[in-house]
Amino acid sequence: LYHRLNVVPIAVPSLEERREDIPALAHHFIAEMNASQGL
């Protein structure tokens, strides 16, 4: 089953491996929660 599922393996990095993206992610979440929850 592993070989059937693992045809194309893709590693998703941890947040610590992409610290440069933290401000953009934080701003995105603020906008998203403002639209969905009115925060």
Full PDB file with SEQRES, HELIX, SHEET, SSBOND, CRYST1, ORIGX, SCALE, CONECT and MASTER records, all heavy atoms in Angstrom:
SEQRES   1 A   39  LEU TYR HIS ARG LEU ASN VAL VAL PRO ILE ALA VAL PRO          
SEQRES   2 A   39  SER LEU GLU GLU ARG ARG GLU ASP ILE PRO ALA LEU ALA          
SEQRES   3 A   39  HIS HIS PHE ILE ALA GLU MET ASN ALA SER GLN GLY LEU          
HELIX    1 AA1 TYR A    2  LEU A    5  1                                   4    
HELIX    2 AA2 LEU A   15  ASP A   21  5                                   7    
HELIX    3 AA3 ILE A   22  GLN A   37  1                                  16    
CRYST1    1.000    1.000    1.000  90.00  90.00  90.00 P 1           1          
ORIGX1      1.000000  0.000000  0.000000        0.00000                         
ORIGX2      0.000000  1.000000  0.000000        0.00000                         
ORIGX3      0.000000  0.000000  1.000000        0.00000                         
SCALE1      1.000000  0.000000  0.000000        0.00000                         
SCALE2      0.000000  1.000000  0.000000        0.00000                         
SCALE3      0.000000  0.000000  1.000000        0.00000                         
ATOM      1  N   LEU A   1       0.835  -1.201   0.000  1.00  0.00           N  
ATOM      2  CA  LEU A   1       0.000   0.000   0.000  1.00  0.00           C  
ATOM      3  C   LEU A   1       0.869   1.249   0.000  1.00  0.00           C  
ATOM      4  O   LEU A   1       0.556   2.229  -0.688  1.00  0.00           O  
ATOM      5  CB  LEU A   1      -0.922   0.001   1.217  1.00  0.00           C  
ATOM      6  CG  LEU A   1      -1.847   1.223   1.366  1.00  0.00           C  
ATOM      7  CD1 LEU A   1      -2.748   1.378   0.145  1.00  0.00           C  
ATOM      8  CD2 LEU A   1      -2.673   1.128   2.645  1.00  0.00           C  
ATOM      9  N   TYR A   2       1.957   1.217   0.735  1.00  0.00           N  
ATOM     10  CA  TYR A   2       2.889   2.355   0.761  1.00  0.00           C  
ATOM     11  C   TYR A   2       3.387   2.674  -0.644  1.00  0.00           C  
ATOM     12  O   TYR A   2       3.385   3.840  -1.069  1.00  0.00           O  
ATOM     13  CB  TYR A   2       4.065   2.034   1.684  1.00  0.00           C  
ATOM     14  CG  TYR A   2       5.210   3.016   1.578  1.00  0.00           C  
ATOM     15  CD1 TYR A   2       5.138   4.275   2.162  1.00  0.00           C  
ATOM     16  CD2 TYR A   2       6.374   2.671   0.873  1.00  0.00           C  
ATOM     17  CE1 TYR A   2       6.185   5.175   2.056  1.00  0.00           C  
ATOM     18  CE2 TYR A   2       7.424   3.567   0.761  1.00  0.00           C  
ATOM     19  CZ  TYR A   2       7.327   4.817   1.366  1.00  0.00           C  
ATOM     20  OH  TYR A   2       8.364   5.708   1.244  1.00  0.00           O  
ATOM     21  N   HIS A   3       3.790   1.645  -1.379  1.00  0.00           N  
ATOM     22  CA  HIS A   3       4.313   1.877  -2.732  1.00  0.00           C  
ATOM     23  C   HIS A   3       3.208   2.357  -3.689  1.00  0.00           C  
ATOM     24  O   HIS A   3       3.480   3.131  -4.614  1.00  0.00           O  
ATOM     25  CB  HIS A   3       4.984   0.613  -3.261  1.00  0.00           C  
ATOM     26  CG  HIS A   3       6.255   0.268  -2.524  1.00  0.00           C  
ATOM     27  ND1 HIS A   3       7.314   1.132  -2.445  1.00  0.00           N  
ATOM     28  CD2 HIS A   3       6.621  -0.851  -1.833  1.00  0.00           C  
ATOM     29  CE1 HIS A   3       8.296   0.575  -1.739  1.00  0.00           C  
ATOM     30  NE2 HIS A   3       7.893  -0.628  -1.357  1.00  0.00           N  
ATOM     31  N   ARG A   4       1.969   1.905  -3.464  1.00  0.00           N  
ATOM     32  CA  ARG A   4       0.860   2.357  -4.305  1.00  0.00           C  
ATOM     33  C   ARG A   4       0.543   3.834  -4.050  1.00  0.00           C  
ATOM     34  O   ARG A   4       0.202   4.574  -4.968  1.00  0.00           O  
ATOM     35  CB  ARG A   4      -0.389   1.520  -4.016  1.00  0.00           C  
ATOM     36  CG  ARG A   4      -0.300   0.082  -4.491  1.00  0.00           C  
ATOM     37  CD  ARG A   4      -0.643  -0.034  -5.961  1.00  0.00           C  
ATOM     38  NE  ARG A   4      -0.600  -1.432  -6.392  1.00  0.00           N  
ATOM     39  CZ  ARG A   4      -0.833  -1.830  -7.623  1.00  0.00           C  
ATOM     40  NH1 ARG A   4      -1.134  -0.934  -8.554  1.00  0.00           N  
ATOM     41  NH2 ARG A   4      -0.766  -3.108  -7.949  1.00  0.00           N  
ATOM     42  N   LEU A   5       0.629   4.257  -2.784  1.00  0.00           N  
ATOM     43  CA  LEU A   5       0.285   5.630  -2.429  1.00  0.00           C  
ATOM     44  C   LEU A   5       1.421   6.609  -2.681  1.00  0.00           C  
ATOM     45  O   LEU A   5       1.191   7.786  -2.967  1.00  0.00           O  
ATOM     46  CB  LEU A   5      -0.123   5.708  -0.952  1.00  0.00           C  
ATOM     47  CG  LEU A   5      -1.394   4.972  -0.543  1.00  0.00           C  
ATOM     48  CD1 LEU A   5      -1.579   5.060   0.968  1.00  0.00           C  
ATOM     49  CD2 LEU A   5      -2.612   5.534  -1.252  1.00  0.00           C  
ATOM     50  N   ASN A   6       2.644   6.133  -2.549  1.00  0.00           N  
ATOM     51  CA  ASN A   6       3.820   7.001  -2.581  1.00  0.00           C  
ATOM     52  C   ASN A   6       4.382   7.152  -3.998  1.00  0.00           C  
ATOM     53  O   ASN A   6       5.589   7.127  -4.204  1.00  0.00           O  
ATOM     54  CB  ASN A   6       4.893   6.450  -1.637  1.00  0.00           C  
ATOM     55  CG  ASN A   6       5.975   7.465  -1.332  1.00  0.00           C  
ATOM     56  OD1 ASN A   6       5.694   8.622  -1.065  1.00  0.00           O  
ATOM     57  ND2 ASN A   6       7.223   7.029  -1.366  1.00  0.00           N  
ATOM     58  N   VAL A   7       3.500   7.336  -4.977  1.00  0.00           N  
ATOM     59  CA  VAL A   7       3.960   7.496  -6.363  1.00  0.00           C  
ATOM     60  C   VAL A   7       4.730   8.801  -6.516  1.00  0.00           C  
ATOM     61  O   VAL A   7       5.819   8.842  -7.084  1.00  0.00           O  
ATOM     62  CB  VAL A   7       2.761   7.452  -7.336  1.00  0.00           C  
ATOM     63  CG1 VAL A   7       3.231   7.710  -8.773  1.00  0.00           C  
ATOM     64  CG2 VAL A   7       2.057   6.103  -7.239  1.00  0.00           C  
ATOM     65  N   VAL A   8       4.164   9.895  -5.991  1.00  0.00           N  
ATOM     66  CA  VAL A   8       4.839  11.196  -6.021  1.00  0.00           C  
ATOM     67  C   VAL A   8       4.950  11.706  -4.584  1.00  0.00           C  
ATOM     68  O   VAL A   8       3.988  12.227  -4.029  1.00  0.00           O  
ATOM     69  CB  VAL A   8       4.069  12.226  -6.873  1.00  0.00           C  
ATOM     70  CG1 VAL A   8       4.844  13.542  -6.939  1.00  0.00           C  
ATOM     71  CG2 VAL A   8       3.810  11.696  -8.273  1.00  0.00           C  
ATOM     72  N   PRO A   9       6.107  11.543  -3.942  1.00  0.00           N  
ATOM     73  CA  PRO A   9       6.271  12.057  -2.575  1.00  0.00           C  
ATOM     74  C   PRO A   9       6.604  13.546  -2.579  1.00  0.00           C  
ATOM     75  O   PRO A   9       7.451  14.001  -3.339  1.00  0.00           O  
ATOM     76  CB  PRO A   9       7.445  11.227  -2.037  1.00  0.00           C  
ATOM     77  CG  PRO A   9       8.240  10.851  -3.245  1.00  0.00           C  
ATOM     78  CD  PRO A   9       7.285  10.786  -4.413  1.00  0.00           C  
ATOM     79  N   ILE A  10       5.906  14.311  -1.755  1.00  0.00           N  
ATOM     80  CA  ILE A  10       6.159  15.752  -1.632  1.00  0.00           C  
ATOM     81  C   ILE A  10       6.245  16.097  -0.144  1.00  0.00           C  
ATOM     82  O   ILE A  10       5.324  15.791   0.619  1.00  0.00           O  
ATOM     83  CB  ILE A  10       5.061  16.590  -2.304  1.00  0.00           C  
ATOM     84  CG1 ILE A  10       5.036  16.319  -3.818  1.00  0.00           C  
ATOM     85  CG2 ILE A  10       5.266  18.078  -2.039  1.00  0.00           C  
ATOM     86  CD1 ILE A  10       3.961  17.092  -4.560  1.00  0.00           C  
ATOM     87  N   ALA A  11       7.338  16.727   0.254  1.00  0.00           N  
ATOM     88  CA  ALA A  11       7.539  17.124   1.651  1.00  0.00           C  
ATOM     89  C   ALA A  11       6.990  18.532   1.858  1.00  0.00           C  
ATOM     90  O   ALA A  11       7.323  19.454   1.114  1.00  0.00           O  
ATOM     91  CB  ALA A  11       9.019  17.077   2.013  1.00  0.00           C  
ATOM     92  N   VAL A  12       6.128  18.689   2.862  1.00  0.00           N  
ATOM     93  CA  VAL A  12       5.588  19.997   3.238  1.00  0.00           C  
ATOM     94  C   VAL A  12       6.424  20.520   4.401  1.00  0.00           C  
ATOM     95  O   VAL A  12       6.469  19.888   5.455  1.00  0.00           O  
ATOM     96  CB  VAL A  12       4.106  19.893   3.636  1.00  0.00           C  
ATOM     97  CG1 VAL A  12       3.556  21.257   4.054  1.00  0.00           C  
ATOM     98  CG2 VAL A  12       3.288  19.325   2.478  1.00  0.00           C  
ATOM     99  N   PRO A  13       7.099  21.657   4.247  1.00  0.00           N  
ATOM    100  CA  PRO A  13       8.025  22.133   5.283  1.00  0.00           C  
ATOM    101  C   PRO A  13       7.305  22.617   6.534  1.00  0.00           C  
ATOM    102  O   PRO A  13       6.154  23.056   6.485  1.00  0.00           O  
ATOM    103  CB  PRO A  13       8.769  23.288   4.593  1.00  0.00           C  
ATOM    104  CG  PRO A  13       7.818  23.777   3.556  1.00  0.00           C  
ATOM    105  CD  PRO A  13       7.076  22.565   3.079  1.00  0.00           C  
ATOM    106  N   SER A  14       8.009  22.548   7.658  1.00  0.00           N  
ATOM    107  CA  SER A  14       7.485  23.096   8.910  1.00  0.00           C  
ATOM    108  C   SER A  14       7.502  24.613   8.849  1.00  0.00           C  
ATOM    109  O   SER A  14       8.158  25.214   7.982  1.00  0.00           O  
ATOM    110  CB  SER A  14       8.338  22.619  10.086  1.00  0.00           C  
ATOM    111  OG  SER A  14       9.641  23.192   9.991  1.00  0.00           O  
ATOM    112  N   LEU A  15       6.818  25.260   9.773  1.00  0.00           N  
ATOM    113  CA  LEU A  15       6.798  26.719   9.801  1.00  0.00           C  
ATOM    114  C   LEU A  15       8.181  27.274  10.115  1.00  0.00           C  
ATOM    115  O   LEU A  15       8.558  28.338   9.612  1.00  0.00           O  
ATOM    116  CB  LEU A  15       5.782  27.209  10.844  1.00  0.00           C  
ATOM    117  CG  LEU A  15       5.535  28.718  10.887  1.00  0.00           C  
ATOM    118  CD1 LEU A  15       5.060  29.238   9.533  1.00  0.00           C  
ATOM    119  CD2 LEU A  15       4.534  29.078  11.976  1.00  0.00           C  
ATOM    120  N   GLU A  16       8.946  26.563  10.913  1.00  0.00           N  
ATOM    121  CA  GLU A  16      10.287  27.040  11.258  1.00  0.00           C  
ATOM    122  C   GLU A  16      11.228  27.010  10.057  1.00  0.00           C  
ATOM    123  O   GLU A  16      12.230  27.725  10.033  1.00  0.00           O  
ATOM    124  CB  GLU A  16      10.854  26.227  12.424  1.00  0.00           C  
ATOM    125  CG  GLU A  16      10.084  26.469  13.723  1.00  0.00           C  
ATOM    126  CD  GLU A  16      10.711  25.776  14.913  1.00  0.00           C  
ATOM    127  OE1 GLU A  16      11.822  25.243  14.764  1.00  0.00           O  
ATOM    128  OE2 GLU A  16      10.085  25.764  15.992  1.00  0.00           O  
ATOM    129  N   GLU A  17      10.913  26.197   9.053  1.00  0.00           N  
ATOM    130  CA  GLU A  17      11.713  26.178   7.832  1.00  0.00           C  
ATOM    131  C   GLU A  17      11.336  27.300   6.877  1.00  0.00           C  
ATOM    132  O   GLU A  17      12.038  27.531   5.901  1.00  0.00           O  
ATOM    133  CB  GLU A  17      11.539  24.826   7.118  1.00  0.00           C  
ATOM    134  CG  GLU A  17      12.111  23.640   7.870  1.00  0.00           C  
ATOM    135  CD  GLU A  17      11.856  22.347   7.127  1.00  0.00           C  
ATOM    136  OE1 GLU A  17      12.618  22.033   6.191  1.00  0.00           O  
ATOM    137  OE2 GLU A  17      10.873  21.651   7.469  1.00  0.00           O  
ATOM    138  N   ARG A  18      10.252  27.977   7.173  1.00  0.00           N  
ATOM    139  CA  ARG A  18       9.794  29.073   6.313  1.00  0.00           C  
ATOM    140  C   ARG A  18       9.377  30.282   7.163  1.00  0.00           C  
ATOM    141  O   ARG A  18       8.297  30.854   6.990  1.00  0.00           O  
ATOM    142  CB  ARG A  18       8.656  28.606   5.407  1.00  0.00           C  
ATOM    143  CG  ARG A  18       7.582  27.769   6.079  1.00  0.00           C  
ATOM    144  CD  ARG A  18       6.506  27.300   5.131  1.00  0.00           C  
ATOM    145  NE  ARG A  18       5.729  28.374   4.568  1.00  0.00           N  
ATOM    146  CZ  ARG A  18       4.411  28.325   4.350  1.00  0.00           C  
ATOM    147  NH1 ARG A  18       3.720  27.237   4.676  1.00  0.00           N  
ATOM    148  NH2 ARG A  18       3.775  29.337   3.821  1.00  0.00           N  
ATOM    149  N   ARG A  19      10.256  30.660   8.099  1.00  0.00           N  
ATOM    150  CA  ARG A  19       9.959  31.775   8.997  1.00  0.00           C  
ATOM    151  C   ARG A  19       9.689  33.069   8.230  1.00  0.00           C  
ATOM    152  O   ARG A  19       8.946  33.929   8.695  1.00  0.00           O  
ATOM    153  CB  ARG A  19      11.122  31.988   9.966  1.00  0.00           C  
ATOM    154  CG  ARG A  19      11.293  30.879  10.986  1.00  0.00           C  
ATOM    155  CD  ARG A  19      12.457  31.174  11.931  1.00  0.00           C  
ATOM    156  NE  ARG A  19      12.633  30.111  12.899  1.00  0.00           N  
ATOM    157  CZ  ARG A  19      11.963  30.025  14.054  1.00  0.00           C  
ATOM    158  NH1 ARG A  19      11.072  30.968  14.356  1.00  0.00           N  
ATOM    159  NH2 ARG A  19      12.176  29.031  14.883  1.00  0.00           N  
ATOM    160  N   GLU A  20      10.285  33.190   7.069  1.00  0.00           N  
ATOM    161  CA  GLU A  20      10.095  34.387   6.248  1.00  0.00           C  
ATOM    162  C   GLU A  20       8.625  34.603   5.889  1.00  0.00           C  
ATOM    163  O   GLU A  20       8.193  35.737   5.649  1.00  0.00           O  
ATOM    164  CB  GLU A  20      10.936  34.242   4.978  1.00  0.00           C  
ATOM    165  CG  GLU A  20      11.102  35.503   4.163  1.00  0.00           C  
ATOM    166  CD  GLU A  20      11.995  35.273   2.950  1.00  0.00           C  
ATOM    167  OE1 GLU A  20      12.599  34.185   2.853  1.00  0.00           O  
ATOM    168  OE2 GLU A  20      12.062  36.177   2.116  1.00  0.00           O  
ATOM    169  N   ASP A  21       7.840  33.518   5.882  1.00  0.00           N  
ATOM    170  CA  ASP A  21       6.437  33.616   5.489  1.00  0.00           C  
ATOM    171  C   ASP A  21       5.509  33.955   6.650  1.00  0.00           C  
ATOM    172  O   ASP A  21       4.303  34.162   6.431  1.00  0.00           O  
ATOM    173  CB  ASP A  21       5.970  32.284   4.872  1.00  0.00           C  
ATOM    174  CG  ASP A  21       6.692  31.962   3.578  1.00  0.00           C  
ATOM    175  OD1 ASP A  21       7.055  32.919   2.874  1.00  0.00           O  
ATOM    176  OD2 ASP A  21       6.880  30.770   3.281  1.00  0.00           O  
ATOM    177  N   ILE A  22       6.008  33.991   7.873  1.00  0.00           N  
ATOM    178  CA  ILE A  22       5.145  34.184   9.042  1.00  0.00           C  
ATOM    179  C   ILE A  22       4.351  35.491   8.967  1.00  0.00           C  
ATOM    180  O   ILE A  22       3.127  35.479   9.203  1.00  0.00           O  
ATOM    181  CB  ILE A  22       5.965  34.077  10.346  1.00  0.00           C  
ATOM    182  CG1 ILE A  22       6.382  32.622  10.566  1.00  0.00           C  
ATOM    183  CG2 ILE A  22       5.165  34.591  11.544  1.00  0.00           C  
ATOM    184  CD1 ILE A  22       7.280  32.395  11.776  1.00  0.00           C  
ATOM    185  N   PRO A  23       4.950  36.652   8.640  1.00  0.00           N  
ATOM    186  CA  PRO A  23       4.142  37.873   8.551  1.00  0.00           C  
ATOM    187  C   PRO A  23       3.011  37.765   7.525  1.00  0.00           C  
ATOM    188  O   PRO A  23       1.878  38.189   7.795  1.00  0.00           O  
ATOM    189  CB  PRO A  23       5.167  38.946   8.163  1.00  0.00           C  
ATOM    190  CG  PRO A  23       6.468  38.429   8.690  1.00  0.00           C  
ATOM    191  CD  PRO A  23       6.388  36.951   8.484  1.00  0.00           C  
ATOM    192  N   ALA A  24       3.301  37.219   6.353  1.00  0.00           N  
ATOM    193  CA  ALA A  24       2.271  37.090   5.314  1.00  0.00           C  
ATOM    194  C   ALA A  24       1.148  36.168   5.776  1.00  0.00           C  
ATOM    195  O   ALA A  24      -0.040  36.453   5.543  1.00  0.00           O  
ATOM    196  CB  ALA A  24       2.891  36.563   4.025  1.00  0.00           C  
ATOM    197  N   LEU A  25       1.497  35.062   6.434  1.00  0.00           N  
ATOM    198  CA  LEU A  25       0.481  34.147   6.944  1.00  0.00           C  
ATOM    199  C   LEU A  25      -0.370  34.823   8.013  1.00  0.00           C  
ATOM    200  O   LEU A  25      -1.599  34.682   8.028  1.00  0.00           O  
ATOM    201  CB  LEU A  25       1.147  32.891   7.513  1.00  0.00           C  
ATOM    202  CG  LEU A  25       1.686  31.892   6.492  1.00  0.00           C  
ATOM    203  CD1 LEU A  25       2.648  30.913   7.160  1.00  0.00           C  
ATOM    204  CD2 LEU A  25       0.547  31.133   5.822  1.00  0.00           C  
ATOM    205  N   ALA A  26       0.275  35.563   8.909  1.00  0.00           N  
ATOM    206  CA  ALA A  26      -0.455  36.232   9.983  1.00  0.00           C  
ATOM    207  C   ALA A  26      -1.447  37.252   9.416  1.00  0.00           C  
ATOM    208  O   ALA A  26      -2.609  37.315   9.835  1.00  0.00           O  
ATOM    209  CB  ALA A  26       0.530  36.903  10.937  1.00  0.00           C  
ATOM    210  N   HIS A  27      -1.015  38.044   8.443  1.00  0.00           N  
ATOM    211  CA  HIS A  27      -1.911  39.023   7.817  1.00  0.00           C  
ATOM    212  C   HIS A  27      -3.069  38.320   7.101  1.00  0.00           C  
ATOM    213  O   HIS A  27      -4.211  38.809   7.118  1.00  0.00           O  
ATOM    214  CB  HIS A  27      -1.133  39.903   6.838  1.00  0.00           C  
ATOM    215  CG  HIS A  27      -0.289  40.951   7.504  1.00  0.00           C  
ATOM    216  ND1 HIS A  27      -0.818  42.087   8.075  1.00  0.00           N  
ATOM    217  CD2 HIS A  27       1.062  41.021   7.705  1.00  0.00           C  
ATOM    218  CE1 HIS A  27       0.163  42.824   8.589  1.00  0.00           C  
ATOM    219  NE2 HIS A  27       1.308  42.192   8.386  1.00  0.00           N  
ATOM    220  N   HIS A  28      -2.778  37.207   6.463  1.00  0.00           N  
ATOM    221  CA  HIS A  28      -3.829  36.445   5.774  1.00  0.00           C  
ATOM    222  C   HIS A  28      -4.870  35.950   6.769  1.00  0.00           C  
ATOM    223  O   HIS A  28      -6.089  36.064   6.514  1.00  0.00           O  
ATOM    224  CB  HIS A  28      -3.205  35.260   5.039  1.00  0.00           C  
ATOM    225  CG  HIS A  28      -4.207  34.263   4.540  1.00  0.00           C  
ATOM    226  ND1 HIS A  28      -5.031  34.497   3.460  1.00  0.00           N  
ATOM    227  CD2 HIS A  28      -4.536  33.020   4.993  1.00  0.00           C  
ATOM    228  CE1 HIS A  28      -5.809  33.451   3.262  1.00  0.00           C  
ATOM    229  NE2 HIS A  28      -5.539  32.546   4.175  1.00  0.00           N  
ATOM    230  N   PHE A  29      -4.426  35.423   7.912  1.00  0.00           N  
ATOM    231  CA  PHE A  29      -5.377  34.920   8.908  1.00  0.00           C  
ATOM    232  C   PHE A  29      -6.221  36.055   9.491  1.00  0.00           C  
ATOM    233  O   PHE A  29      -7.413  35.869   9.763  1.00  0.00           O  
ATOM    234  CB  PHE A  29      -4.634  34.176  10.023  1.00  0.00           C  
ATOM    235  CG  PHE A  29      -3.982  32.900   9.571  1.00  0.00           C  
ATOM    236  CD1 PHE A  29      -2.729  32.519  10.055  1.00  0.00           C  
ATOM    237  CD2 PHE A  29      -4.610  32.067   8.653  1.00  0.00           C  
ATOM    238  CE1 PHE A  29      -2.127  31.351   9.638  1.00  0.00           C  
ATOM    239  CE2 PHE A  29      -4.016  30.885   8.231  1.00  0.00           C  
ATOM    240  CZ  PHE A  29      -2.776  30.524   8.727  1.00  0.00           C  
ATOM    241  N   ILE A  30      -5.624  37.220   9.698  1.00  0.00           N  
ATOM    242  CA  ILE A  30      -6.385  38.364  10.211  1.00  0.00           C  
ATOM    243  C   ILE A  30      -7.503  38.741   9.235  1.00  0.00           C  
ATOM    244  O   ILE A  30      -8.661  38.936   9.624  1.00  0.00           O  
ATOM    245  CB  ILE A  30      -5.449  39.565  10.450  1.00  0.00           C  
ATOM    246  CG1 ILE A  30      -4.508  39.275  11.627  1.00  0.00           C  
ATOM    247  CG2 ILE A  30      -6.256  40.834  10.728  1.00  0.00           C  
ATOM    248  CD1 ILE A  30      -3.417  40.309  11.806  1.00  0.00           C  
ATOM    249  N   ALA A  31      -7.164  38.837   7.940  1.00  0.00           N  
ATOM    250  CA  ALA A  31      -8.171  39.176   6.930  1.00  0.00           C  
ATOM    251  C   ALA A  31      -9.247  38.098   6.845  1.00  0.00           C  
ATOM    252  O   ALA A  31     -10.446  38.394   6.713  1.00  0.00           O  
ATOM    253  CB  ALA A  31      -7.501  39.374   5.577  1.00  0.00           C  
ATOM    254  N   GLU A  32      -8.849  36.848   6.922  1.00  0.00           N  
ATOM    255  CA  GLU A  32      -9.791  35.727   6.831  1.00  0.00           C  
ATOM    256  C   GLU A  32     -10.768  35.740   8.003  1.00  0.00           C  
ATOM    257  O   GLU A  32     -11.985  35.556   7.826  1.00  0.00           O  
ATOM    258  CB  GLU A  32      -9.000  34.416   6.809  1.00  0.00           C  
ATOM    259  CG  GLU A  32      -9.824  33.173   6.600  1.00  0.00           C  
ATOM    260  CD  GLU A  32      -8.972  31.917   6.608  1.00  0.00           C  
ATOM    261  OE1 GLU A  32      -8.489  31.536   7.702  1.00  0.00           O  
ATOM    262  OE2 GLU A  32      -8.767  31.332   5.529  1.00  0.00           O  
ATOM    263  N   MET A  33     -10.258  35.977   9.223  1.00  0.00           N  
ATOM    264  CA  MET A  33     -11.117  35.961  10.413  1.00  0.00           C  
ATOM    265  C   MET A  33     -11.990  37.210  10.490  1.00  0.00           C  
ATOM    266  O   MET A  33     -13.072  37.179  11.055  1.00  0.00           O  
ATOM    267  CB  MET A  33     -10.256  35.818  11.667  1.00  0.00           C  
ATOM    268  CG  MET A  33      -9.590  34.468  11.785  1.00  0.00           C  
ATOM    269  SD  MET A  33      -8.387  34.411  13.122  1.00  0.00           S  
ATOM    270  CE  MET A  33      -7.542  32.870  12.726  1.00  0.00           C  
ATOM    271  N   ASN A  34     -11.524  38.295   9.888  1.00  0.00           N  
ATOM    272  CA  ASN A  34     -12.367  39.482   9.809  1.00  0.00           C  
ATOM    273  C   ASN A  34     -13.567  39.214   8.905  1.00  0.00           C  
ATOM    274  O   ASN A  34     -14.705  39.587   9.227  1.00  0.00           O  
ATOM    275  CB  ASN A  34     -11.556  40.665   9.291  1.00  0.00           C  
ATOM    276  CG  ASN A  34     -12.421  41.884   8.983  1.00  0.00           C  
ATOM    277  OD1 ASN A  34     -12.753  42.144   7.824  1.00  0.00           O  
ATOM    278  ND2 ASN A  34     -12.795  42.621  10.010  1.00  0.00           N  
ATOM    279  N   ALA A  35     -13.324  38.535   7.778  1.00  0.00           N  
ATOM    280  CA  ALA A  35     -14.396  38.250   6.828  1.00  0.00           C  
ATOM    281  C   ALA A  35     -15.357  37.191   7.348  1.00  0.00           C  
ATOM    282  O   ALA A  35     -16.573  37.287   7.159  1.00  0.00           O  
ATOM    283  CB  ALA A  35     -13.803  37.813   5.488  1.00  0.00           C  
ATOM    284  N   SER A  36     -14.843  36.156   8.031  1.00  0.00           N  
ATOM    285  CA  SER A  36     -15.686  35.032   8.437  1.00  0.00           C  
ATOM    286  C   SER A  36     -16.302  35.203   9.815  1.00  0.00           C  
ATOM    287  O   SER A  36     -17.410  34.712  10.071  1.00  0.00           O  
ATOM    288  CB  SER A  36     -14.877  33.728   8.409  1.00  0.00           C  
ATOM    289  OG  SER A  36     -13.791  33.776   9.330  1.00  0.00           O  
ATOM    290  N   GLN A  37     -15.599  35.916  10.735  1.00  0.00           N  
ATOM    291  CA  GLN A  37     -16.083  36.023  12.108  1.00  0.00           C  
ATOM    292  C   GLN A  37     -16.327  37.459  12.561  1.00  0.00           C  
ATOM    293  O   GLN A  37     -16.821  37.685  13.669  1.00  0.00           O  
ATOM    294  CB  GLN A  37     -15.079  35.385  13.077  1.00  0.00           C  
ATOM    295  CG  GLN A  37     -14.765  33.926  12.793  1.00  0.00           C  
ATOM    296  CD  GLN A  37     -13.769  33.360  13.789  1.00  0.00           C  
ATOM    297  OE1 GLN A  37     -13.859  33.611  14.989  1.00  0.00           O  
ATOM    298  NE2 GLN A  37     -12.794  32.604  13.303  1.00  0.00           N  
ATOM    299  N   GLY A  38     -15.948  38.423  11.731  1.00  0.00           N  
ATOM    300  CA  GLY A  38     -16.113  39.808  12.129  1.00  0.00           C  
ATOM    301  C   GLY A  38     -15.106  40.275  13.162  1.00  0.00           C  
ATOM    302  O   GLY A  38     -15.325  41.291  13.835  1.00  0.00           O  
ATOM    303  N   LEU A  39     -13.993  39.563  13.307  1.00  0.00           N  
ATOM    304  CA  LEU A  39     -12.960  39.960  14.261  1.00  0.00           C  
ATOM    305  C   LEU A  39     -12.228  41.197  13.730  1.00  0.00           C  
ATOM    306  O   LEU A  39     -12.229  41.453  12.528  1.00  0.00           O  
ATOM    307  CB  LEU A  39     -11.984  38.808  14.499  1.00  0.00           C  
ATOM    308  CG  LEU A  39     -12.591  37.578  15.202  1.00  0.00           C  
ATOM    309  CD1 LEU A  39     -11.569  36.456  15.314  1.00  0.00           C  
ATOM    310  CD2 LEU A  39     -13.137  37.949  16.574  1.00  0.00           C  
TER     311      LEU A  39                                                      
MASTER        0    0    0    3    0    0    0    6  310    1    0    3          
END                                                                             
